[in-house]
Amino acid sequence: MFAWILIGLISGWLAGKILNGDGYGMMADIALGLVGGVIGGMIFAVLGVHAHNFVGAILMSTAGATALVIATRILRDEI
């Protein structure tokens, strides 16, 4: 459980930095990171790619969190 929270924190923070924003706040960034991890896991599973270590999990989660942040920004007309 702690590893999931840590991965969510890191990936949410990275997604905010990748998209040149301040993020939505610490708790929202963690939530986006956790949900992004699930989304990233599903996307990469369809592609046949699986994370076998901590770095791979962070990269997959960051990709999912970035996609989720882009989707929320599009829905909120921020882009």
C-alpha atoms as a PDB file:
ATOM      1  CA  MET A   1       0.000   0.000   0.000  1.00  0.00           C
ATOM      2  CA  PHE A   2       2.836   2.397   0.857  1.00  0.00           C
ATOM      3  CA  ALA A   3       4.491   1.685  -2.489  1.00  0.00           C
ATOM      4  CA  TRP A   4       1.270   2.535  -4.351  1.00  0.00           C
ATOM      5  CA  ILE A   5       0.998   5.846  -2.497  1.00  0.00           C
ATOM      6  CA  LEU A   6       4.652   6.617  -3.170  1.00  0.00           C
ATOM      7  CA  ILE A   7       4.286   5.783  -6.852  1.00  0.00           C
ATOM      8  CA  GLY A   8       1.099   7.886  -6.995  1.00  0.00           C
ATOM      9  CA  LEU A   9       2.837  10.825  -5.351  1.00  0.00           C
ATOM     10  CA  ILE A  10       5.816  10.673  -7.674  1.00  0.00           C
ATOM     11  CA  SER A  11       3.784  10.151 -10.834  1.00  0.00           C
ATOM     12  CA  GLY A  12       1.275  12.884  -9.943  1.00  0.00           C
ATOM     13  CA  TRP A  13       4.108  15.311  -9.275  1.00  0.00           C
ATOM     14  CA  LEU A  14       5.865  14.319 -12.516  1.00  0.00           C
ATOM     15  CA  ALA A  15       2.666  14.727 -14.521  1.00  0.00           C
ATOM     16  CA  GLY A  16       2.271  18.252 -13.141  1.00  0.00           C
ATOM     17  CA  LYS A  17       5.872  19.098 -14.054  1.00  0.00           C
ATOM     18  CA  ILE A  18       5.633  17.551 -17.523  1.00  0.00           C
ATOM     19  CA  LEU A  19       2.571  19.632 -18.302  1.00  0.00           C
ATOM     20  CA  ASN A  20       4.147  22.870 -16.995  1.00  0.00           C
ATOM     21  CA  GLY A  21       1.614  23.482 -14.294  1.00  0.00           C
ATOM     22  CA  ASP A  22       1.483  23.870 -10.566  1.00  0.00           C
ATOM     23  CA  GLY A  23      -0.774  20.851 -10.374  1.00  0.00           C
ATOM     24  CA  TYR A  24      -4.070  20.657  -8.561  1.00  0.00           C
ATOM     25  CA  GLY A  25      -2.613  20.443  -5.057  1.00  0.00           C
ATOM     26  CA  MET A  26      -0.887  17.628  -3.220  1.00  0.00           C
ATOM     27  CA  MET A  27      -3.938  15.441  -2.535  1.00  0.00           C
ATOM     28  CA  ALA A  28      -5.340  15.875  -6.039  1.00  0.00           C
ATOM     29  CA  ASP A  29      -1.925  15.126  -7.563  1.00  0.00           C
ATOM     30  CA  ILE A  30      -1.689  11.930  -5.510  1.00  0.00           C
ATOM     31  CA  ALA A  31      -5.223  10.950  -6.524  1.00  0.00           C
ATOM     32  CA  LEU A  32      -4.459  11.658 -10.181  1.00  0.00           C
ATOM     33  CA  GLY A  33      -1.260   9.649  -9.824  1.00  0.00           C
ATOM     34  CA  LEU A  34      -3.082   6.672  -8.321  1.00  0.00           C
ATOM     35  CA  VAL A  35      -5.883   6.757 -10.876  1.00  0.00           C
ATOM     36  CA  GLY A  36      -3.324   7.428 -13.599  1.00  0.00           C
ATOM     37  CA  GLY A  37      -1.451   4.338 -12.485  1.00  0.00           C
ATOM     38  CA  VAL A  38      -4.543   2.247 -13.053  1.00  0.00           C
ATOM     39  CA  ILE A  39      -5.175   3.889 -16.427  1.00  0.00           C
ATOM     40  CA  GLY A  40      -1.513   3.547 -17.420  1.00  0.00           C
ATOM     41  CA  GLY A  41      -1.533  -0.081 -16.331  1.00  0.00           C
ATOM     42  CA  MET A  42      -4.587  -0.810 -18.461  1.00  0.00           C
ATOM     43  CA  ILE A  43      -3.204   1.012 -21.496  1.00  0.00           C
ATOM     44  CA  PHE A  44       0.164  -0.702 -21.319  1.00  0.00           C
ATOM     45  CA  ALA A  45      -1.443  -4.105 -20.604  1.00  0.00           C
ATOM     46  CA  VAL A  46      -3.400  -3.783 -23.847  1.00  0.00           C
ATOM     47  CA  LEU A  47      -0.112  -3.008 -25.587  1.00  0.00           C
ATOM     48  CA  GLY A  48       1.512  -6.033 -23.935  1.00  0.00           C
ATOM     49  CA  VAL A  49       3.932  -4.048 -21.745  1.00  0.00           C
ATOM     50  CA  HIS A  50       4.219  -4.802 -18.019  1.00  0.00           C
ATOM     51  CA  ALA A  51       6.216  -3.075 -15.283  1.00  0.00           C
ATOM     52  CA  HIS A  52       8.653  -5.415 -13.574  1.00  0.00           C
ATOM     53  CA  ASN A  53      10.267  -2.909 -11.219  1.00  0.00           C
ATOM     54  CA  PHE A  54       9.690   0.358  -9.357  1.00  0.00           C
ATOM     55  CA  VAL A  55      10.976   2.594 -12.160  1.00  0.00           C
ATOM     56  CA  GLY A  56       8.753   0.905 -14.738  1.00  0.00           C
ATOM     57  CA  ALA A  57       5.736   1.338 -12.463  1.00  0.00           C
ATOM     58  CA  ILE A  58       6.524   5.033 -12.052  1.00  0.00           C
ATOM     59  CA  LEU A  59       6.883   5.508 -15.817  1.00  0.00           C
ATOM     60  CA  MET A  60       3.614   3.726 -16.550  1.00  0.00           C
ATOM     61  CA  SER A  61       1.809   5.584 -13.796  1.00  0.00           C
ATOM     62  CA  THR A  62       3.215   8.919 -14.965  1.00  0.00           C
ATOM     63  CA  ALA A  63       2.036   8.250 -18.515  1.00  0.00           C
ATOM     64  CA  GLY A  64      -1.450   7.458 -17.233  1.00  0.00           C
ATOM     65  CA  ALA A  65      -1.489  10.461 -14.883  1.00  0.00           C
ATOM     66  CA  THR A  66      -0.339  12.749 -17.691  1.00  0.00           C
ATOM     67  CA  ALA A  67      -3.128  11.456 -19.940  1.00  0.00           C
ATOM     68  CA  LEU A  68      -5.611  11.947 -17.108  1.00  0.00           C
ATOM     69  CA  VAL A  69      -4.457  15.518 -16.421  1.00  0.00           C
ATOM     70  CA  ILE A  70      -4.693  16.353 -20.129  1.00  0.00           C
ATOM     71  CA  ALA A  71      -8.219  14.908 -20.211  1.00  0.00           C
ATOM     72  CA  THR A  72      -9.279  16.913 -17.145  1.00  0.00           C
ATOM     73  CA  ARG A  73      -7.811  20.090 -18.594  1.00  0.00           C
ATOM     74  CA  ILE A  74      -9.664  19.516 -21.861  1.00  0.00           C
ATOM     75  CA  LEU A  75     -12.920  18.910 -20.007  1.00  0.00           C
ATOM     76  CA  ARG A  76     -12.416  22.049 -17.888  1.00  0.00           C
ATOM     77  CA  ASP A  77     -11.541  24.126 -21.006  1.00  0.00           C
ATOM     78  CA  GLU A  78      -8.077  24.967 -19.683  1.00  0.00           C
ATOM     79  CA  ILE A  79      -6.371  23.997 -22.937  1.00  0.00           C
END
